[in-house]
């Protein structure tokens, strides 16, 4: 049995997208992005009250990078992983976990623009700093792209980083990165990506949240 616990427009989207790419049967449990994640019965699965949580083979895995590694090892025939000894193994692992480097800045911006409901709680300085830091991570992708995908062919690395870019696009204009934009357009055309998008209300009410001006 495979079951993914998921909230729309969060890190768990990368696990959902990957499961669709793998073409395996699984159950999907969708939660609102609220205190439900901190209540039972979910809290017993993931005491941090976060998503994703994957139940598989009697195990519970809660880190998206670990989920990607485990699923690719569990279903190697699909070819979305890179085996130990493969020339691309190190690069594959690095990109898998680079997705979280991107997401830490997106999470900070989501907190500023979405989670903090009162304007006096928000910091224009934090918004501007985190948007610049996020843009630097996207520049790393731009520099690393030498072909159609992050590696020689499509892999779970494209899924993880692609999902992080989907989130980042709410705070940084992607058009300033031409190679990244072409690559991301290619990913967005995939059926599995389309299936992983929200089918109802998600975390973001707006397509783009520009940083506030820092008061002079």
N, C-alpha and C. Protein backbone atom coordinates (compact mmCIF):
# COMPACT_ATOMS: atom_id res chain seq x y z
N UNK A 1 0.84 -1.20 0.00
CA UNK A 1 0.00 0.00 0.00
C UNK A 1 0.88 1.25 0.00
N UNK A 2 0.52 2.18 -0.85
CA UNK A 2 1.20 3.48 -0.89
C UNK A 2 0.14 4.55 -0.65
N UNK A 3 0.41 5.41 0.31
CA UNK A 3 -0.51 6.53 0.57
C UNK A 3 0.32 7.80 0.77
N UNK A 4 -0.06 8.85 0.04
CA UNK A 4 0.59 10.14 0.19
C UNK A 4 -0.35 11.11 0.89
N UNK A 5 0.17 11.76 1.91
CA UNK A 5 -0.56 12.81 2.62
C UNK A 5 -0.06 14.15 2.07
N UNK A 6 -1.00 14.97 1.62
CA UNK A 6 -0.66 16.08 0.72
C UNK A 6 -1.49 17.32 1.03
N UNK A 7 -0.86 18.49 0.86
CA UNK A 7 -1.57 19.77 0.81
C UNK A 7 -1.23 20.44 -0.52
N UNK A 8 -2.21 21.04 -1.13
CA UNK A 8 -1.98 21.71 -2.41
C UNK A 8 -0.93 22.81 -2.27
N UNK A 9 -0.11 22.94 -3.30
CA UNK A 9 0.89 24.02 -3.41
C UNK A 9 1.87 24.03 -2.23
N UNK A 10 2.29 22.87 -1.81
CA UNK A 10 3.32 22.73 -0.80
C UNK A 10 4.38 21.76 -1.32
N UNK A 11 5.40 21.49 -0.50
CA UNK A 11 6.47 20.58 -0.91
C UNK A 11 5.93 19.20 -1.30
N UNK A 12 4.80 18.81 -0.75
CA UNK A 12 4.28 17.48 -1.06
C UNK A 12 3.87 17.35 -2.52
N UNK A 13 3.74 18.48 -3.22
CA UNK A 13 3.44 18.42 -4.65
C UNK A 13 4.53 17.68 -5.41
N UNK A 14 5.79 17.81 -4.95
CA UNK A 14 6.87 17.12 -5.68
C UNK A 14 6.76 15.62 -5.52
N UNK A 15 6.28 15.16 -4.36
CA UNK A 15 6.07 13.72 -4.16
C UNK A 15 4.89 13.23 -4.98
N UNK A 16 3.84 14.05 -5.04
CA UNK A 16 2.65 13.69 -5.83
C UNK A 16 3.01 13.60 -7.31
N UNK A 17 3.70 14.59 -7.80
CA UNK A 17 4.12 14.60 -9.21
C UNK A 17 4.97 13.38 -9.52
N UNK A 18 5.90 13.05 -8.63
CA UNK A 18 6.76 11.90 -8.86
C UNK A 18 5.97 10.60 -8.90
N UNK A 19 5.00 10.46 -8.02
CA UNK A 19 4.17 9.25 -8.04
C UNK A 19 3.42 9.12 -9.36
N UNK A 20 2.92 10.23 -9.86
CA UNK A 20 2.25 10.19 -11.16
C UNK A 20 3.23 9.82 -12.28
N UNK A 21 4.43 10.35 -12.22
CA UNK A 21 5.43 10.00 -13.24
C UNK A 21 5.78 8.52 -13.17
N UNK A 22 5.82 7.96 -11.98
CA UNK A 22 6.15 6.55 -11.82
C UNK A 22 5.03 5.63 -12.30
N UNK A 23 3.81 6.15 -12.34
CA UNK A 23 2.68 5.36 -12.83
C UNK A 23 2.25 4.25 -11.89
N UNK A 24 2.47 4.42 -10.59
CA UNK A 24 2.10 3.40 -9.62
C UNK A 24 0.74 3.73 -8.99
N UNK A 25 0.09 2.72 -8.46
CA UNK A 25 -1.17 2.92 -7.76
C UNK A 25 -0.90 3.45 -6.35
N UNK A 26 -1.67 4.45 -5.95
CA UNK A 26 -1.51 4.98 -4.59
C UNK A 26 -2.79 5.67 -4.16
N UNK A 27 -2.93 5.78 -2.86
CA UNK A 27 -4.03 6.54 -2.27
C UNK A 27 -3.54 7.95 -1.99
N UNK A 28 -4.42 8.92 -2.16
CA UNK A 28 -4.07 10.31 -1.90
C UNK A 28 -4.99 10.88 -0.83
N UNK A 29 -4.38 11.39 0.23
CA UNK A 29 -5.12 12.04 1.31
C UNK A 29 -4.77 13.52 1.28
N UNK A 30 -5.75 14.35 0.97
CA UNK A 30 -5.52 15.79 0.85
C UNK A 30 -6.05 16.50 2.09
N UNK A 31 -5.24 17.42 2.60
CA UNK A 31 -5.58 18.19 3.80
C UNK A 31 -5.62 19.67 3.48
N UNK A 32 -6.41 20.42 4.22
CA UNK A 32 -6.29 21.88 4.14
C UNK A 32 -5.00 22.31 4.83
N UNK A 33 -4.47 23.44 4.41
CA UNK A 33 -3.23 23.93 5.02
C UNK A 33 -3.58 24.71 6.29
N UNK A 34 -3.89 23.95 7.33
CA UNK A 34 -4.30 24.58 8.59
C UNK A 34 -3.93 23.67 9.76
N UNK A 35 -4.54 23.91 10.91
CA UNK A 35 -4.17 23.17 12.12
C UNK A 35 -4.54 21.69 12.06
N UNK A 36 -5.28 21.28 11.01
CA UNK A 36 -5.60 19.86 10.85
C UNK A 36 -4.33 19.01 10.85
N UNK A 37 -3.26 19.57 10.30
CA UNK A 37 -2.00 18.83 10.23
C UNK A 37 -1.37 18.63 11.61
N UNK A 38 -1.79 19.40 12.59
CA UNK A 38 -1.23 19.28 13.94
C UNK A 38 -2.12 18.45 14.86
N UNK A 39 -3.25 17.99 14.32
CA UNK A 39 -4.19 17.21 15.13
C UNK A 39 -4.08 15.72 14.80
N UNK A 40 -4.65 14.91 15.67
CA UNK A 40 -4.76 13.48 15.38
C UNK A 40 -5.85 13.26 14.32
N UNK A 41 -5.69 12.25 13.47
CA UNK A 41 -4.67 11.20 13.53
C UNK A 41 -3.37 11.52 12.80
N UNK A 42 -3.33 12.69 12.08
CA UNK A 42 -2.14 12.97 11.29
C UNK A 42 -0.90 13.16 12.16
N UNK A 43 -1.07 13.76 13.32
CA UNK A 43 0.08 14.05 14.17
C UNK A 43 0.85 12.79 14.55
N UNK A 44 0.16 11.67 14.65
CA UNK A 44 0.85 10.42 14.98
C UNK A 44 1.74 9.95 13.83
N UNK A 45 1.36 10.29 12.60
CA UNK A 45 2.18 9.94 11.45
C UNK A 45 3.38 10.87 11.32
N UNK A 46 3.13 12.15 11.48
CA UNK A 46 4.18 13.16 11.30
C UNK A 46 4.06 14.20 12.40
N UNK A 47 4.79 14.02 13.49
CA UNK A 47 4.65 14.92 14.65
C UNK A 47 4.99 16.38 14.35
N UNK A 48 5.72 16.65 13.26
CA UNK A 48 6.04 18.03 12.92
C UNK A 48 4.84 18.78 12.35
N UNK A 49 3.78 18.05 11.96
CA UNK A 49 2.61 18.70 11.39
C UNK A 49 2.86 19.28 10.02
N UNK A 50 3.70 18.61 9.23
CA UNK A 50 4.03 19.09 7.90
C UNK A 50 3.73 18.01 6.86
N UNK A 51 3.74 18.42 5.61
CA UNK A 51 3.64 17.48 4.50
C UNK A 51 4.89 17.65 3.64
N UNK A 52 5.28 16.60 2.90
CA UNK A 52 4.58 15.33 2.68
C UNK A 52 4.81 14.33 3.80
N UNK A 53 3.92 13.34 3.83
CA UNK A 53 4.15 12.09 4.55
C UNK A 53 3.77 10.97 3.59
N UNK A 54 4.68 10.03 3.41
CA UNK A 54 4.44 8.90 2.54
C UNK A 54 4.42 7.63 3.38
N UNK A 55 3.34 6.86 3.24
CA UNK A 55 3.28 5.53 3.82
C UNK A 55 3.51 4.52 2.69
N UNK A 56 4.52 3.65 2.86
CA UNK A 56 4.85 2.69 1.83
C UNK A 56 5.56 1.49 2.44
N UNK A 57 5.14 0.32 2.06
CA UNK A 57 5.80 -0.91 2.52
C UNK A 57 5.89 -0.98 4.04
N UNK A 58 4.88 -0.44 4.74
CA UNK A 58 4.89 -0.44 6.20
C UNK A 58 5.77 0.62 6.81
N UNK A 59 6.36 1.48 5.99
CA UNK A 59 7.23 2.55 6.46
C UNK A 59 6.53 3.89 6.37
N UNK A 60 7.02 4.86 7.13
CA UNK A 60 6.55 6.24 7.04
C UNK A 60 7.77 7.11 6.75
N UNK A 61 7.71 7.86 5.65
CA UNK A 61 8.81 8.75 5.26
C UNK A 61 8.24 10.16 5.15
N UNK A 62 8.96 11.13 5.73
CA UNK A 62 8.40 12.48 5.84
C UNK A 62 9.25 13.56 5.16
N UNK A 63 10.39 13.23 4.62
CA UNK A 63 11.22 14.22 3.94
C UNK A 63 11.12 14.01 2.43
N UNK A 64 10.86 15.09 1.69
CA UNK A 64 10.59 14.95 0.26
C UNK A 64 11.80 14.40 -0.50
N UNK A 65 13.02 14.79 -0.12
CA UNK A 65 14.19 14.24 -0.77
C UNK A 65 14.34 12.76 -0.53
N UNK A 66 14.09 12.34 0.72
CA UNK A 66 14.16 10.92 1.05
C UNK A 66 13.06 10.14 0.32
N UNK A 67 11.89 10.75 0.20
CA UNK A 67 10.79 10.10 -0.54
C UNK A 67 11.20 9.89 -1.99
N UNK A 68 11.81 10.89 -2.60
CA UNK A 68 12.23 10.76 -3.99
C UNK A 68 13.26 9.65 -4.15
N UNK A 69 14.25 9.62 -3.27
CA UNK A 69 15.26 8.57 -3.35
C UNK A 69 14.64 7.19 -3.17
N UNK A 70 13.77 7.05 -2.17
CA UNK A 70 13.18 5.74 -1.89
C UNK A 70 12.31 5.28 -3.06
N UNK A 71 11.48 6.17 -3.58
CA UNK A 71 10.59 5.76 -4.68
C UNK A 71 11.37 5.38 -5.93
N UNK A 72 12.43 6.11 -6.23
CA UNK A 72 13.22 5.77 -7.41
C UNK A 72 13.95 4.44 -7.23
N UNK A 73 14.38 4.16 -6.00
CA UNK A 73 15.00 2.86 -5.72
C UNK A 73 13.97 1.74 -5.75
N UNK A 74 12.77 2.05 -5.30
CA UNK A 74 11.71 1.05 -5.22
C UNK A 74 11.18 0.68 -6.60
N UNK A 75 11.20 1.65 -7.53
CA UNK A 75 10.68 1.43 -8.88
C UNK A 75 11.76 1.82 -9.90
N UNK A 76 12.86 1.08 -9.94
CA UNK A 76 13.99 1.48 -10.79
C UNK A 76 13.72 1.37 -12.29
N UNK A 77 12.80 0.50 -12.68
CA UNK A 77 12.58 0.26 -14.11
C UNK A 77 12.08 1.51 -14.84
N UNK A 78 11.46 2.43 -14.12
CA UNK A 78 10.93 3.63 -14.76
C UNK A 78 12.07 4.56 -15.20
N UNK A 79 13.21 4.45 -14.53
CA UNK A 79 14.38 5.21 -14.96
C UNK A 79 14.46 6.64 -14.47
N UNK A 80 13.75 6.96 -13.39
CA UNK A 80 13.77 8.34 -12.89
C UNK A 80 14.88 8.58 -11.87
N UNK A 81 15.55 7.51 -11.44
CA UNK A 81 16.67 7.64 -10.52
C UNK A 81 17.99 7.41 -11.25
N UNK A 82 19.05 7.40 -10.50
CA UNK A 82 20.37 7.05 -11.02
C UNK A 82 21.02 6.11 -10.01
N UNK A 83 21.38 4.93 -10.46
CA UNK A 83 21.93 3.90 -9.58
C UNK A 83 23.30 4.29 -9.05
N UNK A 84 23.69 3.79 -7.87
CA UNK A 84 25.07 3.97 -7.41
C UNK A 84 26.03 3.44 -8.47
N UNK A 85 27.05 4.20 -8.75
CA UNK A 85 27.98 3.82 -9.81
C UNK A 85 27.68 4.48 -11.14
N UNK A 86 26.45 4.97 -11.32
CA UNK A 86 26.11 5.71 -12.54
C UNK A 86 26.89 7.04 -12.54
N UNK A 87 27.37 7.44 -13.70
CA UNK A 87 28.14 8.68 -13.81
C UNK A 87 27.34 9.90 -13.35
N UNK A 88 26.00 9.82 -13.43
CA UNK A 88 25.17 10.97 -13.06
C UNK A 88 24.63 10.88 -11.64
N UNK A 89 25.04 9.85 -10.89
CA UNK A 89 24.48 9.65 -9.55
C UNK A 89 24.71 10.85 -8.64
N UNK A 90 25.93 11.36 -8.58
CA UNK A 90 26.23 12.48 -7.67
C UNK A 90 25.43 13.72 -8.07
N UNK A 91 25.39 14.02 -9.36
CA UNK A 91 24.62 15.19 -9.82
C UNK A 91 23.14 15.01 -9.54
N UNK A 92 22.64 13.79 -9.73
CA UNK A 92 21.23 13.51 -9.45
C UNK A 92 20.91 13.76 -7.99
N UNK A 93 21.74 13.25 -7.09
CA UNK A 93 21.51 13.47 -5.66
C UNK A 93 21.59 14.95 -5.32
N UNK A 94 22.54 15.65 -5.91
CA UNK A 94 22.70 17.06 -5.59
C UNK A 94 21.47 17.86 -6.00
N UNK A 95 20.93 17.59 -7.20
CA UNK A 95 19.73 18.29 -7.65
C UNK A 95 18.52 17.90 -6.82
N UNK A 96 18.40 16.62 -6.47
CA UNK A 96 17.27 16.19 -5.64
C UNK A 96 17.19 17.02 -4.36
N UNK A 97 18.34 17.26 -3.74
CA UNK A 97 18.35 17.97 -2.47
C UNK A 97 18.47 19.49 -2.65
N UNK A 98 18.88 19.92 -3.84
CA UNK A 98 18.89 21.36 -4.12
C UNK A 98 17.46 21.91 -4.14
N UNK A 99 16.49 21.07 -4.44
CA UNK A 99 15.09 21.51 -4.41
C UNK A 99 14.75 22.12 -3.05
N UNK A 100 15.31 21.57 -1.99
CA UNK A 100 15.02 22.10 -0.66
C UNK A 100 15.73 23.42 -0.40
N UNK A 101 16.89 23.61 -1.02
CA UNK A 101 17.58 24.90 -0.92
C UNK A 101 16.71 26.01 -1.50
N UNK A 102 16.09 25.72 -2.64
CA UNK A 102 15.16 26.69 -3.23
C UNK A 102 13.97 26.91 -2.30
N UNK A 103 13.42 25.83 -1.79
CA UNK A 103 12.17 25.90 -1.04
C UNK A 103 12.30 26.62 0.29
N UNK A 104 13.49 26.63 0.88
CA UNK A 104 13.62 27.34 2.16
C UNK A 104 13.36 28.83 1.98
N UNK A 105 13.77 29.39 0.85
CA UNK A 105 13.52 30.81 0.59
C UNK A 105 12.06 31.04 0.21
N UNK A 106 11.49 30.12 -0.55
CA UNK A 106 10.08 30.22 -0.89
C UNK A 106 9.21 30.15 0.36
N UNK A 107 9.60 29.28 1.30
CA UNK A 107 8.83 29.16 2.54
C UNK A 107 8.87 30.46 3.33
N UNK A 108 10.04 31.11 3.37
CA UNK A 108 10.14 32.38 4.09
C UNK A 108 9.27 33.45 3.44
N UNK A 109 9.24 33.46 2.12
CA UNK A 109 8.40 34.43 1.42
C UNK A 109 6.92 34.11 1.55
N UNK A 110 6.59 32.84 1.57
CA UNK A 110 5.20 32.45 1.78
C UNK A 110 4.73 32.90 3.16
N UNK A 111 5.59 32.76 4.15
CA UNK A 111 5.23 33.22 5.49
C UNK A 111 4.95 34.72 5.48
N UNK A 112 5.84 35.48 4.82
CA UNK A 112 5.68 36.93 4.81
C UNK A 112 4.44 37.38 4.05
N UNK A 113 4.19 36.80 2.90
CA UNK A 113 3.12 37.29 2.04
C UNK A 113 1.77 36.63 2.31
N UNK A 114 1.78 35.40 2.84
CA UNK A 114 0.54 34.64 2.95
C UNK A 114 0.17 34.31 4.39
N UNK A 115 1.11 33.75 5.13
CA UNK A 115 0.79 33.23 6.47
C UNK A 115 0.57 34.34 7.49
N UNK A 116 1.29 35.45 7.35
CA UNK A 116 1.12 36.57 8.28
C UNK A 116 -0.01 37.45 7.77
N UNK A 117 -1.10 37.46 8.50
CA UNK A 117 -2.31 38.09 8.00
C UNK A 117 -2.35 39.61 8.22
N UNK A 118 -1.62 40.09 9.19
CA UNK A 118 -1.63 41.52 9.50
C UNK A 118 -0.39 42.18 8.90
N UNK A 119 -0.60 43.32 8.25
CA UNK A 119 0.52 43.99 7.58
C UNK A 119 1.64 44.35 8.55
N UNK A 120 1.30 44.69 9.79
CA UNK A 120 2.34 45.13 10.72
C UNK A 120 3.27 43.98 11.12
N UNK A 121 2.86 42.72 10.84
CA UNK A 121 3.71 41.57 11.13
C UNK A 121 4.76 41.33 10.05
N UNK A 122 4.55 41.92 8.88
CA UNK A 122 5.39 41.62 7.73
C UNK A 122 6.60 42.54 7.67
N UNK A 123 7.66 42.06 7.06
CA UNK A 123 8.91 42.82 6.96
C UNK A 123 9.30 43.02 5.50
N UNK A 124 9.23 44.26 4.99
CA UNK A 124 9.69 44.51 3.62
C UNK A 124 11.15 44.12 3.42
N UNK A 125 11.98 44.28 4.46
CA UNK A 125 13.40 43.92 4.33
C UNK A 125 13.54 42.42 4.13
N UNK A 126 12.82 41.63 4.92
CA UNK A 126 12.87 40.18 4.75
C UNK A 126 12.37 39.79 3.37
N UNK A 127 11.27 40.41 2.92
CA UNK A 127 10.73 40.10 1.60
C UNK A 127 11.77 40.33 0.51
N UNK A 128 12.46 41.49 0.58
CA UNK A 128 13.43 41.81 -0.46
C UNK A 128 14.64 40.91 -0.39
N UNK A 129 15.16 40.66 0.82
CA UNK A 129 16.32 39.80 0.97
C UNK A 129 16.04 38.38 0.48
N UNK A 130 14.91 37.82 0.89
CA UNK A 130 14.59 36.45 0.52
C UNK A 130 14.31 36.32 -0.98
N UNK A 131 13.70 37.34 -1.57
CA UNK A 131 13.46 37.30 -3.02
C UNK A 131 14.80 37.31 -3.78
N UNK A 132 15.77 38.07 -3.29
CA UNK A 132 17.09 38.09 -3.93
C UNK A 132 17.80 36.75 -3.74
N UNK A 133 17.70 36.18 -2.56
CA UNK A 133 18.31 34.88 -2.31
C UNK A 133 17.66 33.80 -3.16
N UNK A 134 16.35 33.89 -3.30
CA UNK A 134 15.64 32.93 -4.13
C UNK A 134 16.08 33.05 -5.59
N UNK A 135 16.25 34.28 -6.06
CA UNK A 135 16.69 34.50 -7.44
C UNK A 135 18.07 33.89 -7.67
N UNK A 136 18.94 33.91 -6.65
CA UNK A 136 20.27 33.31 -6.79
C UNK A 136 20.18 31.80 -6.98
N UNK A 137 19.23 31.17 -6.31
CA UNK A 137 19.07 29.72 -6.52
C UNK A 137 18.59 29.43 -7.93
N UNK A 138 17.73 30.30 -8.47
CA UNK A 138 17.26 30.10 -9.84
C UNK A 138 18.39 30.35 -10.84
N UNK A 139 19.28 31.28 -10.52
CA UNK A 139 20.44 31.51 -11.38
C UNK A 139 21.35 30.28 -11.40
N UNK A 140 21.40 29.55 -10.31
CA UNK A 140 22.18 28.31 -10.27
C UNK A 140 21.62 27.28 -11.25
N UNK A 141 20.29 27.19 -11.30
CA UNK A 141 19.67 26.29 -12.28
C UNK A 141 19.97 26.75 -13.69
N UNK A 142 19.83 28.05 -13.93
CA UNK A 142 20.11 28.61 -15.26
C UNK A 142 21.52 28.24 -15.71
N UNK A 143 22.48 28.35 -14.81
CA UNK A 143 23.87 28.04 -15.15
C UNK A 143 24.08 26.54 -15.35
N UNK A 144 23.28 25.72 -14.66
CA UNK A 144 23.48 24.28 -14.71
C UNK A 144 22.80 23.59 -15.87
N UNK A 145 21.89 24.28 -16.54
CA UNK A 145 21.17 23.67 -17.65
C UNK A 145 22.01 23.70 -18.93
N UNK A 146 22.30 22.52 -19.45
CA UNK A 146 23.08 22.42 -20.69
C UNK A 146 22.31 21.66 -21.79
N UNK A 147 21.13 21.17 -21.44
CA UNK A 147 20.32 20.42 -22.40
C UNK A 147 18.86 20.55 -22.07
N UNK A 148 18.07 19.59 -22.49
CA UNK A 148 16.63 19.64 -22.26
C UNK A 148 16.27 19.47 -20.79
N UNK A 149 17.10 18.73 -20.05
CA UNK A 149 16.81 18.44 -18.65
C UNK A 149 18.05 18.68 -17.80
N UNK A 150 17.92 18.57 -16.50
CA UNK A 150 19.05 18.82 -15.61
C UNK A 150 20.17 17.82 -15.83
N UNK A 151 19.82 16.59 -16.18
CA UNK A 151 20.79 15.56 -16.51
C UNK A 151 20.62 15.18 -17.99
N UNK A 152 21.19 14.07 -18.40
CA UNK A 152 21.14 13.70 -19.81
C UNK A 152 19.74 13.35 -20.29
N UNK A 153 18.86 12.96 -19.35
CA UNK A 153 17.46 12.68 -19.68
C UNK A 153 16.61 12.99 -18.45
N UNK A 154 15.31 13.05 -18.65
CA UNK A 154 14.37 13.40 -17.59
C UNK A 154 14.54 12.46 -16.39
N UNK A 155 14.44 13.03 -15.18
CA UNK A 155 14.59 12.24 -13.97
C UNK A 155 13.82 12.89 -12.83
N UNK A 156 13.86 12.23 -11.67
CA UNK A 156 13.23 12.78 -10.47
C UNK A 156 13.86 14.10 -10.06
N UNK A 157 15.08 14.37 -10.50
CA UNK A 157 15.71 15.66 -10.22
C UNK A 157 14.92 16.79 -10.86
N UNK A 158 14.46 16.58 -12.08
CA UNK A 158 13.63 17.60 -12.75
C UNK A 158 12.31 17.79 -12.01
N UNK A 159 11.76 16.71 -11.48
CA UNK A 159 10.51 16.81 -10.72
C UNK A 159 10.71 17.65 -9.47
N UNK A 160 11.72 17.31 -8.66
CA UNK A 160 11.93 18.02 -7.42
C UNK A 160 12.26 19.49 -7.63
N UNK A 161 13.22 19.75 -8.51
CA UNK A 161 13.61 21.14 -8.77
C UNK A 161 12.49 21.87 -9.51
N UNK A 162 11.81 21.17 -10.42
CA UNK A 162 10.72 21.80 -11.15
C UNK A 162 9.59 22.24 -10.24
N UNK A 163 9.27 21.41 -9.26
CA UNK A 163 8.22 21.80 -8.31
C UNK A 163 8.66 23.00 -7.48
N UNK A 164 9.93 23.03 -7.09
CA UNK A 164 10.44 24.18 -6.33
C UNK A 164 10.39 25.45 -7.16
N UNK A 165 10.64 25.33 -8.47
CA UNK A 165 10.56 26.49 -9.35
C UNK A 165 9.11 26.94 -9.51
N UNK A 166 8.20 25.99 -9.58
CA UNK A 166 6.77 26.34 -9.62
C UNK A 166 6.41 27.23 -8.43
N UNK A 167 6.87 26.87 -7.24
CA UNK A 167 6.60 27.67 -6.05
C UNK A 167 7.34 29.00 -6.12
N UNK A 168 8.59 28.96 -6.56
CA UNK A 168 9.40 30.18 -6.62
C UNK A 168 8.82 31.21 -7.56
N UNK A 169 8.14 30.74 -8.61
CA UNK A 169 7.55 31.65 -9.58
C UNK A 169 6.48 32.56 -9.01
N UNK A 170 6.04 32.30 -7.79
CA UNK A 170 5.09 33.20 -7.14
C UNK A 170 5.79 34.43 -6.57
N UNK A 171 7.13 34.43 -6.55
CA UNK A 171 7.86 35.50 -5.88
C UNK A 171 8.99 36.09 -6.72
N UNK A 172 9.43 35.39 -7.76
CA UNK A 172 10.50 35.86 -8.64
C UNK A 172 10.05 35.68 -10.08
N UNK A 173 10.29 36.70 -10.91
CA UNK A 173 9.92 36.61 -12.32
C UNK A 173 10.84 35.61 -13.02
N UNK A 174 10.27 34.52 -13.53
CA UNK A 174 11.08 33.48 -14.15
C UNK A 174 11.60 33.89 -15.53
N UNK A 175 10.98 34.88 -16.14
CA UNK A 175 11.36 35.26 -17.50
C UNK A 175 12.79 35.82 -17.57
N UNK A 176 13.36 36.21 -16.45
CA UNK A 176 14.74 36.72 -16.46
C UNK A 176 15.75 35.60 -16.62
N UNK A 177 15.28 34.34 -16.60
CA UNK A 177 16.14 33.17 -16.75
C UNK A 177 15.69 32.40 -17.99
N UNK A 178 16.24 32.71 -19.16
CA UNK A 178 15.70 32.13 -20.41
C UNK A 178 15.81 30.62 -20.51
N UNK A 179 16.96 30.05 -20.13
CA UNK A 179 17.09 28.59 -20.23
C UNK A 179 16.18 27.90 -19.22
N UNK A 180 16.11 28.44 -18.03
CA UNK A 180 15.20 27.89 -17.02
C UNK A 180 13.76 27.95 -17.50
N UNK A 181 13.37 29.05 -18.11
CA UNK A 181 11.98 29.21 -18.57
C UNK A 181 11.62 28.17 -19.63
N UNK A 182 12.53 27.91 -20.57
CA UNK A 182 12.27 26.90 -21.60
C UNK A 182 12.16 25.51 -20.96
N UNK A 183 13.09 25.22 -20.05
CA UNK A 183 13.07 23.93 -19.34
C UNK A 183 11.77 23.77 -18.55
N UNK A 184 11.36 24.83 -17.84
CA UNK A 184 10.16 24.74 -17.02
C UNK A 184 8.91 24.61 -17.88
N UNK A 185 8.88 25.28 -19.00
CA UNK A 185 7.76 25.12 -19.93
C UNK A 185 7.65 23.66 -20.37
N UNK A 186 8.80 23.04 -20.62
CA UNK A 186 8.81 21.63 -21.03
C UNK A 186 8.23 20.75 -19.91
N UNK A 187 8.57 21.04 -18.68
CA UNK A 187 8.06 20.26 -17.56
C UNK A 187 6.55 20.47 -17.38
N UNK A 188 6.11 21.71 -17.54
CA UNK A 188 4.69 22.01 -17.34
C UNK A 188 3.81 21.32 -18.36
N UNK A 189 4.37 20.94 -19.49
CA UNK A 189 3.59 20.25 -20.52
C UNK A 189 3.38 18.77 -20.20
N UNK A 190 4.06 18.26 -19.20
CA UNK A 190 3.95 16.84 -18.87
C UNK A 190 2.61 16.55 -18.19
N UNK A 191 1.99 15.45 -18.54
CA UNK A 191 0.68 15.09 -17.97
C UNK A 191 0.76 14.91 -16.47
N UNK A 192 1.84 14.33 -15.97
CA UNK A 192 1.97 14.09 -14.53
C UNK A 192 2.06 15.41 -13.77
N UNK A 193 2.73 16.39 -14.34
CA UNK A 193 2.78 17.72 -13.71
C UNK A 193 1.39 18.31 -13.63
N UNK A 194 0.66 18.25 -14.73
CA UNK A 194 -0.69 18.81 -14.75
C UNK A 194 -1.58 18.16 -13.71
N UNK A 195 -1.45 16.85 -13.53
CA UNK A 195 -2.27 16.14 -12.54
C UNK A 195 -1.92 16.53 -11.12
N UNK A 196 -0.71 17.01 -10.89
CA UNK A 196 -0.28 17.35 -9.53
C UNK A 196 -0.69 18.75 -9.10
N UNK A 197 -1.23 19.54 -10.03
CA UNK A 197 -1.65 20.90 -9.70
C UNK A 197 -2.93 20.88 -8.87
N UNK A 198 -3.20 21.94 -8.13
CA UNK A 198 -4.41 21.98 -7.29
C UNK A 198 -5.67 21.81 -8.12
N UNK A 199 -6.61 21.02 -7.62
CA UNK A 199 -7.91 20.89 -8.25
C UNK A 199 -8.97 21.68 -7.48
N UNK A 200 -8.50 22.55 -6.61
CA UNK A 200 -9.36 23.40 -5.80
C UNK A 200 -8.50 24.49 -5.19
N UNK A 201 -8.98 25.16 -4.15
CA UNK A 201 -8.20 26.22 -3.52
C UNK A 201 -6.85 25.70 -3.03
N UNK A 202 -5.84 26.49 -3.26
CA UNK A 202 -4.50 26.14 -2.81
C UNK A 202 -3.99 27.15 -1.80
N UNK A 203 -2.68 27.18 -1.66
CA UNK A 203 -2.06 28.05 -0.67
C UNK A 203 -2.02 29.50 -1.12
N UNK A 204 -1.88 29.71 -2.44
CA UNK A 204 -1.68 31.05 -2.97
C UNK A 204 -2.94 31.57 -3.65
N UNK A 205 -3.34 32.75 -3.25
CA UNK A 205 -4.51 33.39 -3.86
C UNK A 205 -4.13 34.20 -5.09
N UNK A 206 -2.85 34.57 -5.19
CA UNK A 206 -2.38 35.37 -6.32
C UNK A 206 -1.31 34.60 -7.09
N UNK A 207 -1.17 34.93 -8.34
CA UNK A 207 -0.14 34.29 -9.16
C UNK A 207 1.25 34.80 -8.80
N UNK A 208 1.34 36.08 -8.41
CA UNK A 208 2.65 36.67 -8.13
C UNK A 208 2.54 37.65 -6.97
N UNK A 209 3.54 37.58 -6.08
CA UNK A 209 3.61 38.45 -4.91
C UNK A 209 4.92 39.23 -4.95
N UNK A 210 4.90 40.47 -5.41
CA UNK A 210 6.15 41.24 -5.44
C UNK A 210 6.54 41.67 -4.02
N UNK A 211 7.83 41.82 -3.77
CA UNK A 211 8.26 42.30 -2.44
C UNK A 211 7.81 43.74 -2.24
N UNK A 212 7.60 44.08 -0.99
CA UNK A 212 7.24 45.46 -0.67
C UNK A 212 8.47 46.35 -0.74
N UNK A 213 8.24 47.63 -0.98
CA UNK A 213 9.32 48.61 -0.93
C UNK A 213 9.77 48.81 0.51
N UNK A 214 11.09 48.90 0.68
CA UNK A 214 11.63 49.15 2.01
C UNK A 214 11.45 50.64 2.31
N UNK A 215 10.82 50.97 3.46
CA UNK A 215 10.62 52.39 3.78
C UNK A 215 11.94 53.14 3.87
N UNK A 216 11.96 54.33 3.34
CA UNK A 216 13.20 55.12 3.37
C UNK A 216 13.33 55.85 4.70
